[in-house]
N, C-alpha and C. Protein backbone atom coordinates (compact mmCIF):
# COMPACT_ATOMS: atom_id res chain seq x y z
N MET A 1 16.62 -6.85 -11.00
CA MET A 1 15.66 -7.02 -12.04
C MET A 1 16.20 -6.46 -13.34
N GLY A 2 16.98 -5.38 -13.24
CA GLY A 2 17.58 -4.79 -14.43
C GLY A 2 18.51 -5.76 -15.12
N GLU A 3 19.32 -6.48 -14.34
CA GLU A 3 20.21 -7.46 -14.94
C GLU A 3 19.43 -8.57 -15.62
N ARG A 4 18.36 -9.00 -14.99
CA ARG A 4 17.52 -10.04 -15.57
C ARG A 4 16.88 -9.54 -16.84
N HIS A 5 16.43 -8.29 -16.82
CA HIS A 5 15.82 -7.67 -18.02
C HIS A 5 16.83 -7.67 -19.15
N ALA A 6 18.07 -7.30 -18.87
CA ALA A 6 19.11 -7.26 -19.92
C ALA A 6 19.34 -8.65 -20.49
N SER A 7 19.38 -9.67 -19.63
CA SER A 7 19.63 -11.02 -20.15
C SER A 7 18.45 -11.52 -20.99
N LEU A 8 17.22 -11.11 -20.62
CA LEU A 8 16.05 -11.49 -21.40
C LEU A 8 16.06 -10.80 -22.78
N VAL A 9 16.48 -9.53 -22.80
CA VAL A 9 16.59 -8.82 -24.07
C VAL A 9 17.63 -9.49 -24.95
N GLN A 10 18.77 -9.87 -24.35
CA GLN A 10 19.80 -10.53 -25.11
C GLN A 10 19.31 -11.87 -25.65
N ALA A 11 18.60 -12.62 -24.82
CA ALA A 11 18.09 -13.93 -25.26
C ALA A 11 17.06 -13.77 -26.38
N ALA A 12 16.23 -12.75 -26.29
CA ALA A 12 15.16 -12.55 -27.27
C ALA A 12 15.67 -11.99 -28.59
N THR A 13 16.67 -11.12 -28.50
CA THR A 13 17.12 -10.43 -29.71
C THR A 13 18.48 -10.87 -30.21
N GLY A 14 19.25 -11.53 -29.35
CA GLY A 14 20.60 -11.89 -29.73
C GLY A 14 21.58 -10.75 -29.57
N LEU A 15 21.10 -9.59 -29.18
CA LEU A 15 21.96 -8.44 -28.99
C LEU A 15 22.52 -8.43 -27.57
N VAL A 16 23.75 -8.02 -27.44
CA VAL A 16 24.35 -7.89 -26.12
C VAL A 16 23.86 -6.58 -25.53
N ALA A 17 23.32 -6.68 -24.32
CA ALA A 17 22.78 -5.48 -23.68
C ALA A 17 23.90 -4.55 -23.26
N ASP A 18 23.62 -3.27 -23.32
CA ASP A 18 24.56 -2.24 -22.88
C ASP A 18 24.90 -2.46 -21.41
N ALA A 19 26.16 -2.35 -21.06
CA ALA A 19 26.57 -2.57 -19.66
C ALA A 19 25.99 -1.51 -18.73
N GLN A 20 25.69 -0.32 -19.26
CA GLN A 20 25.07 0.73 -18.47
C GLN A 20 23.57 0.71 -18.75
N LEU A 21 22.87 -0.04 -17.94
CA LEU A 21 21.43 -0.17 -18.14
C LEU A 21 20.72 1.12 -17.78
N SER A 22 19.82 1.52 -18.64
CA SER A 22 19.04 2.73 -18.36
C SER A 22 17.77 2.40 -17.63
N GLY A 23 17.47 1.12 -17.44
CA GLY A 23 16.24 0.71 -16.79
C GLY A 23 15.22 0.28 -17.82
N ALA A 24 14.07 -0.05 -17.31
CA ALA A 24 13.01 -0.53 -18.18
C ALA A 24 11.95 0.55 -18.35
N ASP A 25 11.33 0.56 -19.51
CA ASP A 25 10.19 1.46 -19.73
C ASP A 25 8.98 0.89 -18.97
N VAL A 26 8.06 1.77 -18.61
CA VAL A 26 6.85 1.33 -17.92
C VAL A 26 6.14 0.28 -18.78
N ALA A 27 6.14 0.45 -20.09
CA ALA A 27 5.47 -0.49 -21.00
C ALA A 27 6.08 -1.88 -20.90
N ASP A 28 7.37 -1.98 -20.52
CA ASP A 28 8.02 -3.28 -20.40
C ASP A 28 7.39 -4.12 -19.29
N PHE A 29 6.86 -3.48 -18.26
CA PHE A 29 6.32 -4.22 -17.12
C PHE A 29 5.07 -5.02 -17.47
N GLU A 30 4.33 -4.58 -18.47
CA GLU A 30 3.15 -5.35 -18.85
C GLU A 30 3.54 -6.64 -19.56
N ARG A 31 4.76 -6.72 -20.06
CA ARG A 31 5.23 -7.94 -20.74
C ARG A 31 5.94 -8.89 -19.79
N VAL A 32 6.11 -8.49 -18.54
CA VAL A 32 6.78 -9.36 -17.56
C VAL A 32 5.83 -10.47 -17.15
N ASP A 33 6.34 -11.68 -17.15
CA ASP A 33 5.57 -12.83 -16.62
C ASP A 33 5.87 -12.87 -15.12
N TRP A 34 4.99 -12.27 -14.32
CA TRP A 34 5.23 -12.13 -12.89
C TRP A 34 5.25 -13.48 -12.19
N GLU A 35 4.72 -14.52 -12.81
CA GLU A 35 4.79 -15.86 -12.24
C GLU A 35 6.24 -16.37 -12.24
N GLN A 36 7.05 -15.80 -13.13
CA GLN A 36 8.46 -16.21 -13.24
C GLN A 36 9.40 -15.34 -12.42
N VAL A 37 8.88 -14.26 -11.84
CA VAL A 37 9.71 -13.33 -11.09
C VAL A 37 9.82 -13.81 -9.64
N ASN A 38 11.03 -13.92 -9.17
CA ASN A 38 11.28 -14.35 -7.78
C ASN A 38 11.95 -13.17 -7.06
N LEU A 39 11.26 -12.64 -6.08
CA LEU A 39 11.77 -11.49 -5.35
C LEU A 39 12.49 -11.89 -4.06
N ASP A 40 12.71 -13.18 -3.84
CA ASP A 40 13.34 -13.63 -2.60
C ASP A 40 14.69 -12.96 -2.33
N GLU A 41 15.53 -12.86 -3.35
CA GLU A 41 16.86 -12.27 -3.16
C GLU A 41 16.72 -10.80 -2.77
N TRP A 42 15.84 -10.08 -3.46
CA TRP A 42 15.63 -8.66 -3.15
C TRP A 42 15.09 -8.49 -1.75
N LEU A 43 14.11 -9.30 -1.36
CA LEU A 43 13.54 -9.22 -0.01
C LEU A 43 14.60 -9.56 1.05
N ALA A 44 15.47 -10.53 0.73
CA ALA A 44 16.54 -10.87 1.68
C ALA A 44 17.50 -9.71 1.86
N ILE A 45 17.80 -9.02 0.76
CA ILE A 45 18.70 -7.85 0.86
C ILE A 45 18.04 -6.76 1.71
N LEU A 46 16.74 -6.53 1.50
CA LEU A 46 16.03 -5.55 2.32
C LEU A 46 16.10 -5.91 3.80
N ALA A 47 15.86 -7.19 4.10
CA ALA A 47 15.89 -7.65 5.50
C ALA A 47 17.30 -7.52 6.10
N GLU A 48 18.30 -7.92 5.33
CA GLU A 48 19.70 -7.89 5.81
C GLU A 48 20.16 -6.47 6.07
N THR A 49 19.72 -5.52 5.26
CA THR A 49 20.13 -4.13 5.42
C THR A 49 19.16 -3.34 6.33
N ARG A 50 18.23 -4.07 6.93
CA ARG A 50 17.24 -3.48 7.85
C ARG A 50 16.35 -2.44 7.16
N ASN A 51 16.04 -2.68 5.90
CA ASN A 51 15.15 -1.80 5.16
C ASN A 51 13.80 -2.46 4.88
N TYR A 52 13.62 -3.69 5.36
CA TYR A 52 12.37 -4.41 5.20
C TYR A 52 11.43 -4.02 6.33
N PRO A 53 10.30 -3.40 6.01
CA PRO A 53 9.41 -2.94 7.08
C PRO A 53 8.77 -4.11 7.83
N THR A 54 8.71 -4.01 9.12
CA THR A 54 8.05 -5.03 9.94
C THR A 54 7.01 -4.34 10.81
N LEU A 55 6.18 -5.12 11.46
CA LEU A 55 5.16 -4.55 12.33
C LEU A 55 5.77 -3.78 13.49
N GLU A 56 7.00 -4.18 13.89
CA GLU A 56 7.69 -3.46 14.98
C GLU A 56 8.12 -2.08 14.50
N ASP A 57 8.40 -1.95 13.18
CA ASP A 57 8.87 -0.69 12.61
C ASP A 57 7.73 0.28 12.31
N ARG A 58 6.55 -0.25 12.09
CA ARG A 58 5.44 0.56 11.62
C ARG A 58 4.24 0.46 12.57
N ASP A 59 3.55 1.55 12.72
CA ASP A 59 2.27 1.52 13.42
C ASP A 59 1.33 2.45 12.69
N LEU A 60 0.09 2.49 13.10
CA LEU A 60 -0.93 3.28 12.43
C LEU A 60 -0.58 4.76 12.42
N GLY A 61 0.02 5.23 13.51
CA GLY A 61 0.42 6.64 13.58
C GLY A 61 1.46 6.99 12.53
N GLN A 62 2.47 6.13 12.36
CA GLN A 62 3.51 6.39 11.39
C GLN A 62 2.99 6.32 9.96
N LEU A 63 2.02 5.47 9.73
CA LEU A 63 1.48 5.30 8.39
C LEU A 63 0.45 6.36 8.03
N THR A 64 -0.40 6.76 9.00
CA THR A 64 -1.51 7.65 8.67
C THR A 64 -1.63 8.88 9.54
N GLY A 65 -0.83 9.00 10.57
CA GLY A 65 -0.95 10.12 11.52
C GLY A 65 0.32 10.93 11.60
N THR A 66 0.61 11.40 12.82
CA THR A 66 1.83 12.16 13.05
C THR A 66 3.02 11.29 12.68
N GLY A 67 3.89 11.80 11.86
CA GLY A 67 5.04 11.03 11.41
C GLY A 67 4.86 10.49 10.00
N SER A 68 3.64 10.56 9.47
CA SER A 68 3.43 10.10 8.10
C SER A 68 3.77 11.23 7.13
N GLU A 69 3.93 10.91 5.88
CA GLU A 69 4.22 11.95 4.88
C GLU A 69 3.04 12.89 4.68
N TYR A 70 1.87 12.51 5.16
CA TYR A 70 0.67 13.34 5.02
C TYR A 70 0.51 14.32 6.18
N ASP A 71 1.34 14.22 7.18
CA ASP A 71 1.27 15.09 8.34
C ASP A 71 2.04 16.37 8.07
N LEU A 72 1.31 17.40 7.66
CA LEU A 72 1.95 18.66 7.29
C LEU A 72 2.09 19.60 8.47
N SER A 73 1.40 19.30 9.57
CA SER A 73 1.38 20.23 10.71
C SER A 73 1.88 19.60 12.01
N ASP A 74 2.36 18.38 11.96
CA ASP A 74 2.80 17.65 13.16
C ASP A 74 1.67 17.47 14.16
N GLN A 75 0.42 17.45 13.68
CA GLN A 75 -0.74 17.29 14.57
C GLN A 75 -1.75 16.33 13.99
N ARG A 76 -1.43 15.59 12.96
CA ARG A 76 -2.40 14.73 12.27
C ARG A 76 -2.75 13.53 13.13
N GLU A 77 -4.05 13.31 13.35
CA GLU A 77 -4.51 12.10 14.03
C GLU A 77 -4.35 10.91 13.10
N ASP A 78 -4.18 9.72 13.65
CA ASP A 78 -4.09 8.55 12.79
C ASP A 78 -5.49 8.19 12.28
N ALA A 79 -5.59 7.25 11.35
CA ALA A 79 -6.85 6.92 10.71
C ALA A 79 -7.93 6.48 11.71
N ALA A 80 -7.55 5.73 12.72
CA ALA A 80 -8.53 5.27 13.72
C ALA A 80 -9.07 6.44 14.52
N GLU A 81 -8.20 7.36 14.92
CA GLU A 81 -8.64 8.55 15.69
C GLU A 81 -9.56 9.42 14.83
N ARG A 82 -9.20 9.62 13.54
CA ARG A 82 -10.03 10.44 12.66
C ARG A 82 -11.40 9.79 12.44
N SER A 83 -11.42 8.48 12.31
CA SER A 83 -12.69 7.77 12.13
C SER A 83 -13.58 7.92 13.36
N ASP A 84 -12.97 7.78 14.54
CA ASP A 84 -13.73 7.97 15.80
C ASP A 84 -14.31 9.39 15.87
N THR A 85 -13.48 10.38 15.53
CA THR A 85 -13.93 11.76 15.57
C THR A 85 -15.09 12.00 14.62
N ARG A 86 -14.97 11.47 13.39
CA ARG A 86 -16.01 11.66 12.38
C ARG A 86 -17.31 10.99 12.76
N SER A 87 -17.24 9.87 13.45
CA SER A 87 -18.45 9.12 13.79
C SER A 87 -19.07 9.56 15.10
N ASP A 88 -18.42 10.48 15.82
CA ASP A 88 -18.98 10.96 17.09
C ASP A 88 -20.39 11.49 16.88
N GLY A 89 -21.33 10.95 17.65
CA GLY A 89 -22.70 11.42 17.61
C GLY A 89 -23.56 10.80 16.52
N LEU A 90 -22.99 10.02 15.63
CA LEU A 90 -23.81 9.43 14.55
C LEU A 90 -24.88 8.48 15.12
N GLY A 91 -24.56 7.70 16.11
CA GLY A 91 -25.53 6.79 16.70
C GLY A 91 -26.70 7.51 17.30
N ARG A 92 -26.44 8.61 17.98
CA ARG A 92 -27.51 9.40 18.60
C ARG A 92 -28.37 10.08 17.56
N ALA A 93 -27.78 10.67 16.55
CA ALA A 93 -28.52 11.40 15.52
C ALA A 93 -29.38 10.44 14.70
N ARG A 94 -28.91 9.27 14.46
CA ARG A 94 -29.64 8.32 13.63
C ARG A 94 -30.92 7.85 14.29
N HIS A 95 -30.95 7.82 15.60
CA HIS A 95 -32.10 7.28 16.30
C HIS A 95 -33.01 8.33 16.87
N GLN A 96 -32.78 9.61 16.61
CA GLN A 96 -33.66 10.65 17.12
C GLN A 96 -34.84 10.85 16.15
N GLY A 97 -36.03 11.07 16.71
CA GLY A 97 -37.19 11.34 15.88
C GLY A 97 -37.83 10.07 15.35
N ASN A 98 -39.03 10.21 14.81
CA ASN A 98 -39.79 9.04 14.32
C ASN A 98 -39.25 8.51 13.00
N ALA A 99 -38.57 9.34 12.22
CA ALA A 99 -38.11 8.91 10.90
C ALA A 99 -37.16 7.74 10.99
N CYS A 100 -36.50 7.61 12.11
CA CYS A 100 -35.50 6.55 12.24
C CYS A 100 -35.92 5.52 13.27
N ALA A 101 -37.18 5.42 13.53
CA ALA A 101 -37.66 4.48 14.54
C ALA A 101 -37.41 3.04 14.05
N ALA A 102 -37.27 2.15 15.00
CA ALA A 102 -37.05 0.76 14.65
C ALA A 102 -38.29 0.20 13.95
N PRO A 103 -38.10 -0.68 12.95
CA PRO A 103 -39.24 -1.25 12.25
C PRO A 103 -40.10 -2.10 13.16
N SER A 104 -41.37 -2.12 12.87
CA SER A 104 -42.32 -2.89 13.67
C SER A 104 -42.12 -4.38 13.41
N THR A 105 -42.27 -5.18 14.44
CA THR A 105 -42.16 -6.62 14.30
C THR A 105 -43.52 -7.27 14.23
N THR A 106 -44.61 -6.45 14.24
CA THR A 106 -45.97 -7.00 14.21
C THR A 106 -46.31 -7.34 12.75
N ARG A 107 -46.84 -8.56 12.56
CA ARG A 107 -47.25 -8.99 11.21
C ARG A 107 -48.60 -8.40 10.88
N ARG A 108 -48.78 -8.08 9.65
CA ARG A 108 -50.08 -7.54 9.19
C ARG A 108 -50.78 -8.52 8.33
């Protein structure tokens, strides 16, 4: 993308871009016409070098539990396990007492 950015700068300004590209400013990204950007070559390079994540490479535990960057203690439950733990007993508590009784189906 850096090479493409340099050629676009050269085309727009007539100036030859510096061979040592420093990269693009964050502000430059808002001017990018993303409809014209083709990431196929970059994605192919990721796949060829085995850096393209696949479902076989990733699971919920790696993304949200033990093994994720958020696991500071090597004991983090994944998102599904944490959700189950948090919801334990909610069904029982919601239906106890008259305040949560089912609505009447009798017409008045």
